[in-house]
Amino acid sequence: MKIAIVKLSALGDIVHAMVALQFIKAHSPAIQVDWVVEERFADVLKNNPDIDNILTVNLKALKSNKAGIFAQLKKMRGYANNNYDLVIDAQGLIKSALTAKIIGKRIAGFDADSIREKAASWFYDVKVACAYDANTIDRNALILSSPLGIDISTEQILGKKPFLFFNNENPQLYDFLLKDRLNIVLVIGSTWDSRNYPAAKFVKIAEALQQNCLVVWGNEQEKNTAAWMAAQSELIKVMPKLDLNSLKALIAKADLLIGNDTGPTHMAWGLNRPSITLFGPTPVSRVYQTDINKVVKSASIVNPYKLNKQDYSIKDIDEQTIIGQAKLLLSL
């Protein structure tokens, strides 16, 4: 059997969906699994032995270059020549449903009551029901496994093997890892400012833990924030710009990751590394909480059907709560 998974973005959503691959391949070793993804996220999928081919698109660029649609359509029609038995739209958006429809003839996806853009379900031949506010990882596992007649249990996910892989990473990152201190990665940015824990509180956490704290960043604003943090504490170092391959390598070597609810933070879960995810305006149902993967949520009540980007309650989380969790994880 030959299938294509359409999960275009974002980084954390792709990571949460990837967990299903090891169980699909264990159930059906001969199945060919290809993955359609936005170019800028392709590296997170690379080197995974359970993915046969990574097929990239650049739909994001169409916002600034409408004429690029013709090149993208040509590329997707080329992918259709692979003659997939099934294409699974794991995204549930109109753009991902259209992508799936161009690539394949038989399409699976969530039903109209299970996704935000209900019209996407019109394109599906096989429809899967799952509450929109259910755990994000469970939803991803269900949409990828149910159309194949495979069941993936909570126990299987909890016992997963690491599923993010890297090679030829930037050797410079090893200059930042210490042997005489524990290494803690700090993820200080996200797509919304209201999801960002205050830099000053991250500094207090670093000072309290007295370990080697490495700040990763994705844009100039985050880089400047990281530089400010490093100026406040000699325990904090600013990492060089890392691509996704090298970011995976860094997180795999870390003793702990502390970060906002964003893609790089969720990579720690995919690598089976200890982590603390900080939540403000987003629901904790986005993650699995395990013995080594903890969450700290602000006091605000989140409506998963309508997120409030003006909810800045993450700034009120007491850093002592995070410090306490960190010390417990570092002592394991």
Protein backbone atom coordinates (compact mmCIF):
# COMPACT_ATOMS: atom_id res chain seq x y z
CA MET A 1 0.00 0.00 0.00
CA LYS A 2 1.16 3.51 -0.79
CA ILE A 3 -0.04 6.52 1.22
CA ALA A 4 0.75 10.22 1.43
CA ILE A 5 0.30 12.28 4.58
CA VAL A 6 -0.49 15.96 4.13
CA LYS A 7 0.63 17.86 7.20
CA LEU A 8 2.06 21.12 5.94
CA SER A 9 2.72 23.00 9.17
CA ALA A 10 3.42 24.13 11.85
CA LEU A 11 6.53 22.70 13.49
CA GLY A 12 4.88 21.53 16.70
CA ASP A 13 1.89 20.06 14.85
CA ILE A 14 4.20 18.11 12.57
CA VAL A 15 6.10 16.72 15.56
CA HIS A 16 2.88 15.68 17.26
CA ALA A 17 1.73 13.86 14.13
CA MET A 18 5.04 12.08 13.53
CA VAL A 19 4.60 9.92 16.61
CA ALA A 20 2.09 7.77 14.69
CA LEU A 21 4.63 6.68 12.08
CA GLN A 22 6.46 4.11 14.16
CA PHE A 23 3.20 2.33 14.98
CA ILE A 24 1.94 2.42 11.40
CA LYS A 25 5.17 0.87 10.14
CA ALA A 26 5.21 -1.72 12.93
CA HIS A 27 1.69 -2.78 11.95
CA SER A 28 2.32 -2.72 8.18
CA PRO A 29 6.07 -2.85 7.44
CA ALA A 30 5.55 -2.91 3.67
CA ILE A 31 3.49 0.27 3.53
CA GLN A 32 5.06 3.23 1.71
CA VAL A 33 4.61 6.46 3.66
CA ASP A 34 5.32 9.76 1.94
CA TRP A 35 4.83 13.13 3.67
CA VAL A 36 3.81 16.42 2.06
CA VAL A 37 5.14 19.42 4.00
CA GLU A 38 6.02 23.09 3.64
CA GLU A 39 9.65 23.47 2.55
CA ARG A 40 10.72 25.37 5.67
CA PHE A 41 9.69 22.47 7.92
CA ALA A 42 11.06 19.59 5.83
CA ASP A 43 14.20 19.17 7.95
CA VAL A 44 12.21 18.08 10.99
CA LEU A 45 11.09 15.03 8.98
CA LYS A 46 14.48 14.18 7.51
CA ASN A 47 16.33 11.00 8.50
CA ASN A 48 13.18 9.42 9.95
CA PRO A 49 13.34 5.73 8.90
CA ASP A 50 9.53 5.48 8.85
CA ILE A 51 9.16 8.09 6.10
CA ASP A 52 9.93 6.91 2.58
CA ASN A 53 9.78 10.24 0.75
CA ILE A 54 9.44 13.88 1.84
CA LEU A 55 7.50 15.93 -0.71
CA THR A 56 7.78 19.69 -0.29
CA VAL A 57 5.50 22.55 -1.29
CA ASN A 58 5.85 26.28 -0.75
CA LEU A 59 2.27 27.47 -0.31
CA LYS A 60 3.35 30.00 2.31
CA ALA A 61 5.15 31.97 -0.39
CA LEU A 62 1.92 32.41 -2.35
CA LYS A 63 0.86 35.14 0.06
CA SER A 64 3.49 37.42 -1.44
CA ASN A 65 3.79 35.81 -4.87
CA LYS A 66 0.39 34.83 -6.26
CA ALA A 67 1.91 33.88 -9.63
CA GLY A 68 3.78 31.08 -7.89
CA ILE A 69 0.57 29.06 -7.76
CA PHE A 70 1.29 27.62 -11.21
CA ALA A 71 4.66 26.21 -10.16
CA GLN A 72 3.12 24.74 -7.01
CA LEU A 73 0.25 23.14 -8.96
CA LYS A 74 2.75 21.61 -11.36
CA LYS A 75 4.76 20.20 -8.48
CA MET A 76 1.68 18.71 -6.77
CA ARG A 77 0.40 17.20 -10.03
CA GLY A 78 3.81 15.58 -10.34
CA TYR A 79 3.32 14.04 -6.91
CA ALA A 80 -0.03 12.67 -8.13
CA ASN A 81 1.92 10.47 -10.57
CA ASN A 82 2.90 8.36 -7.55
CA ASN A 83 -0.63 6.88 -7.68
CA TYR A 84 -1.30 6.79 -3.96
CA ASP A 85 -3.86 4.33 -2.61
CA LEU A 86 -4.80 6.89 0.04
CA VAL A 87 -3.93 10.48 0.88
CA ILE A 88 -4.55 11.53 4.49
CA ASP A 89 -5.09 15.21 5.20
CA ALA A 90 -3.96 15.46 8.82
CA GLN A 91 -4.22 19.27 8.80
CA GLY A 92 -7.94 19.86 8.30
CA LEU A 93 -7.62 23.16 6.43
CA ILE A 94 -9.03 24.05 3.02
CA LYS A 95 -5.52 24.52 1.60
CA SER A 96 -4.37 21.12 2.89
CA ALA A 97 -7.57 19.44 1.66
CA LEU A 98 -7.06 20.95 -1.81
CA THR A 99 -3.45 19.78 -1.76
CA ALA A 100 -4.57 16.26 -0.87
CA LYS A 101 -7.21 16.30 -3.61
CA ILE A 102 -4.66 17.29 -6.25
CA ILE A 103 -2.24 14.58 -5.16
CA GLY A 104 -4.65 11.67 -4.74
CA LYS A 105 -8.03 10.26 -5.71
CA ARG A 106 -9.05 8.73 -2.37
CA ILE A 107 -8.76 11.20 0.50
CA ALA A 108 -9.18 10.79 4.25
CA GLY A 109 -9.60 13.55 6.82
CA PHE A 110 -11.60 14.77 9.80
CA ASP A 111 -15.35 15.21 9.50
CA ALA A 112 -16.91 18.68 9.56
CA ASP A 113 -17.54 18.65 13.31
CA SER A 114 -13.89 17.85 14.07
CA ILE A 115 -12.08 20.73 12.36
CA ARG A 116 -12.05 24.52 12.32
CA GLU A 117 -12.45 24.92 8.55
CA LYS A 118 -15.48 22.69 8.08
CA ALA A 119 -15.55 23.04 4.29
CA ALA A 120 -12.32 21.03 4.12
CA SER A 121 -14.32 17.88 4.92
CA TRP A 122 -16.15 18.18 1.58
CA PHE A 123 -13.03 16.87 -0.13
CA TYR A 124 -12.75 13.67 1.93
CA ASP A 125 -13.92 10.20 0.97
CA VAL A 126 -13.10 8.77 4.39
CA LYS A 127 -14.12 10.94 7.34
CA VAL A 128 -12.88 10.55 10.91
CA ALA A 129 -14.68 11.96 13.95
CA CYS A 130 -12.71 13.35 16.88
CA ALA A 131 -13.59 16.19 19.24
CA TYR A 132 -11.79 19.37 18.22
CA ASP A 133 -10.79 20.03 21.82
CA ALA A 134 -9.37 16.53 22.36
CA ASN A 135 -5.66 16.08 23.03
CA THR A 136 -3.71 17.23 19.96
CA ILE A 137 -1.41 14.22 19.94
CA ASP A 138 -4.34 11.81 20.21
CA ARG A 139 -6.08 13.62 17.34
CA ASN A 140 -3.03 13.31 15.13
CA ALA A 141 -2.56 9.64 15.94
CA LEU A 142 -6.22 8.95 15.20
CA ILE A 143 -6.37 10.73 11.84
CA LEU A 144 -3.26 8.92 10.62
CA SER A 145 -4.16 5.46 11.90
CA SER A 146 -7.95 5.13 11.70
CA PRO A 147 -8.21 5.28 7.87
CA LEU A 148 -5.67 2.45 7.78
CA GLY A 149 -7.61 0.27 10.23
CA ILE A 150 -4.90 0.65 12.87
CA ASP A 151 -5.44 1.44 16.54
CA ILE A 152 -2.81 3.43 18.45
CA SER A 153 -3.32 3.42 22.21
CA THR A 154 -2.32 5.93 24.85
CA GLU A 155 -0.02 3.30 26.31
CA GLN A 156 1.78 2.93 22.98
CA ILE A 157 2.30 6.68 22.69
CA LEU A 158 3.59 6.88 26.27
CA GLY A 159 6.06 4.11 25.45
CA LYS A 160 7.14 5.60 22.11
CA LYS A 161 10.68 5.51 20.79
CA PRO A 162 12.32 8.86 19.96
CA PHE A 163 11.32 9.76 16.42
CA LEU A 164 13.36 12.84 15.50
CA PHE A 165 16.70 12.12 13.83
CA PHE A 166 19.68 14.19 12.73
CA ASN A 167 23.08 13.91 11.06
CA ASN A 168 25.86 16.26 9.97
CA GLU A 169 24.69 18.80 12.51
CA ASN A 170 26.59 22.05 13.07
CA PRO A 171 29.67 20.96 15.09
CA GLN A 172 29.80 24.40 16.69
CA LEU A 173 26.89 23.51 18.97
CA TYR A 174 29.12 21.08 20.90
CA ASP A 175 31.33 23.97 21.96
CA PHE A 176 28.38 25.24 24.03
CA LEU A 177 27.66 21.96 25.83
CA LEU A 178 29.48 21.55 29.14
CA LYS A 179 30.51 18.40 30.95
CA ASP A 180 30.86 19.91 34.43
CA ARG A 181 27.34 21.38 34.46
CA LEU A 182 23.94 20.18 33.29
CA ASN A 183 22.83 21.65 29.98
CA ILE A 184 19.43 23.36 29.81
CA VAL A 185 17.93 24.64 26.56
CA LEU A 186 15.69 27.71 26.88
CA VAL A 187 13.07 28.35 24.16
CA ILE A 188 12.09 31.98 24.60
CA GLY A 189 10.05 32.78 21.46
CA SER A 190 6.79 31.77 19.80
CA THR A 191 4.37 33.02 17.16
CA TRP A 192 2.47 35.27 19.60
CA ASP A 193 3.96 37.64 22.15
CA SER A 194 1.26 36.56 24.62
CA ARG A 195 2.71 33.03 24.59
CA ASN A 196 6.16 34.22 25.67
CA TYR A 197 7.35 33.89 29.24
CA PRO A 198 9.20 37.05 30.41
CA ALA A 199 12.92 37.12 29.67
CA ALA A 200 13.66 38.49 33.13
CA LYS A 201 12.00 35.45 34.71
CA PHE A 202 14.01 33.12 32.51
CA VAL A 203 17.11 34.84 33.91
CA LYS A 204 15.90 34.21 37.46
CA ILE A 205 15.37 30.55 36.60
CA ALA A 206 18.91 30.27 35.22
CA GLU A 207 20.38 31.90 38.32
CA ALA A 208 18.42 29.61 40.63
CA LEU A 209 19.42 26.42 38.81
CA GLN A 210 23.13 27.32 38.44
CA GLN A 211 23.53 25.21 35.32
CA ASN A 212 24.56 25.85 31.71
CA CYS A 213 21.59 27.55 30.04
CA LEU A 214 21.56 27.76 26.25
CA VAL A 215 19.08 30.08 24.55
CA VAL A 216 17.84 29.24 21.05
CA TRP A 217 16.25 31.84 18.82
CA GLY A 218 14.53 32.13 15.46
CA ASN A 219 14.55 35.82 14.50
CA GLU A 220 16.41 39.03 15.27
CA GLN A 221 14.02 40.09 18.02
CA GLU A 222 14.51 36.80 19.83
CA LYS A 223 18.27 37.03 19.25
CA ASN A 224 18.31 40.47 20.88
CA THR A 225 16.28 39.18 23.81
CA ALA A 226 18.69 36.26 24.19
CA ALA A 227 21.65 38.67 24.16
CA TRP A 228 20.02 40.75 26.89
CA MET A 229 19.50 37.61 28.98
CA ALA A 230 23.14 36.60 28.55
CA ALA A 231 24.22 40.05 29.70
CA GLN A 232 22.28 39.55 32.93
CA SER A 233 23.76 36.15 33.81
CA GLU A 234 27.05 34.43 33.05
CA LEU A 235 25.15 31.13 33.21
CA ILE A 236 23.26 32.00 30.00
CA LYS A 237 24.76 31.61 26.52
CA VAL A 238 23.23 32.57 23.19
CA MET A 239 23.33 29.76 20.65
CA PRO A 240 24.27 30.52 17.04
CA LYS A 241 21.53 30.36 14.43
CA LEU A 242 20.55 26.68 14.16
CA ASP A 243 18.69 24.93 11.38
CA LEU A 244 16.14 22.29 12.35
CA ASN A 245 18.65 19.48 11.92
CA SER A 246 21.09 21.05 14.38
CA LEU A 247 18.29 22.08 16.72
CA LYS A 248 17.27 18.44 16.97
CA ALA A 249 20.85 17.54 17.80
CA LEU A 250 21.11 20.17 20.53
CA ILE A 251 17.85 19.16 22.18
CA ALA A 252 18.83 15.48 22.01
CA LYS A 253 21.96 16.30 24.04
CA ALA A 254 20.21 18.53 26.59
CA ASP A 255 19.47 17.49 30.16
CA LEU A 256 16.34 19.65 30.20
CA LEU A 257 14.39 22.02 27.96
CA ILE A 258 12.25 24.85 29.33
CA GLY A 259 10.17 26.75 26.83
CA ASN A 260 6.97 28.32 25.62
CA ASP A 261 4.23 26.36 23.86
CA THR A 262 5.93 26.28 20.46
CA GLY A 263 7.53 23.85 18.01
CA PRO A 264 11.10 23.62 19.36
CA THR A 265 9.75 22.93 22.86
CA HIS A 266 7.64 20.04 21.58
CA MET A 267 10.70 18.56 19.91
CA ALA A 268 11.96 17.57 23.38
CA TRP A 269 8.94 15.26 23.72
CA GLY A 270 9.67 13.78 20.29
CA LEU A 271 13.25 13.11 21.39
CA ASN A 272 12.25 11.69 24.81
CA ARG A 273 14.13 14.46 26.59
CA PRO A 274 12.96 16.10 29.86
CA SER A 275 10.98 19.29 29.32
CA ILE A 276 8.79 21.90 30.94
CA THR A 277 6.29 23.58 28.61
CA LEU A 278 4.89 26.94 29.69
CA PHE A 279 1.28 27.70 28.80
CA GLY A 280 -0.68 30.93 28.87
CA PRO A 281 -3.35 31.51 26.19
CA THR A 282 -3.19 27.98 24.76
CA PRO A 283 -4.60 24.72 26.20
CA VAL A 284 -2.43 22.10 27.90
CA SER A 285 -4.35 19.48 25.91
CA ARG A 286 -1.81 20.14 23.16
CA VAL A 287 0.74 17.88 24.85
CA TYR A 288 1.22 14.67 26.78
CA GLN A 289 2.35 15.02 30.36
CA THR A 290 4.73 12.25 31.38
CA ASP A 291 7.29 11.48 34.08
CA ILE A 292 9.80 13.65 32.23
CA ASN A 293 7.58 16.03 30.26
CA LYS A 294 5.81 18.53 32.53
CA VAL A 295 3.66 21.61 31.97
CA VAL A 296 3.11 24.79 33.93
CA LYS A 297 -0.09 26.64 33.07
CA SER A 298 -1.09 30.18 33.99
CA ALA A 299 -4.32 30.81 35.90
CA SER A 300 -6.33 31.82 32.83
CA ILE A 301 -9.13 29.65 31.46
CA VAL A 302 -8.63 28.82 27.79
CA ASN A 303 -11.40 28.26 25.26
CA PRO A 304 -9.79 25.88 22.71
CA TYR A 305 -12.40 26.85 20.13
CA LYS A 306 -11.47 30.54 20.30
CA LEU A 307 -8.00 31.32 21.59
CA ASN A 308 -7.46 34.76 23.08
CA LYS A 309 -4.25 36.30 21.75
CA GLN A 310 -4.62 39.10 24.32
CA ASP A 311 -4.31 36.65 27.23
CA TYR A 312 -0.92 37.61 28.69
CA SER A 313 -1.36 35.56 31.86
CA ILE A 314 1.79 33.54 31.14
CA LYS A 315 3.71 36.54 32.50
CA ASP A 316 2.16 35.90 35.94
CA ILE A 317 3.49 32.36 36.33
CA ASP A 318 5.72 32.28 39.41
CA GLU A 319 9.25 31.34 38.36
CA GLN A 320 9.59 29.38 41.62
CA THR A 321 7.06 26.88 40.30
CA ILE A 322 9.20 26.31 37.23
CA ILE A 323 12.41 26.15 39.28
CA GLY A 324 10.88 23.51 41.52
CA GLN A 325 9.82 21.37 38.56
CA ALA A 326 13.23 21.80 36.94
CA LYS A 327 15.11 20.68 40.03
CA LEU A 328 12.96 17.55 40.23
CA LEU A 329 13.57 16.68 36.57
CA LEU A 330 17.29 17.36 36.82
CA SER A 331 17.56 15.02 39.78
CA LEU A 332 16.00 12.05 37.98
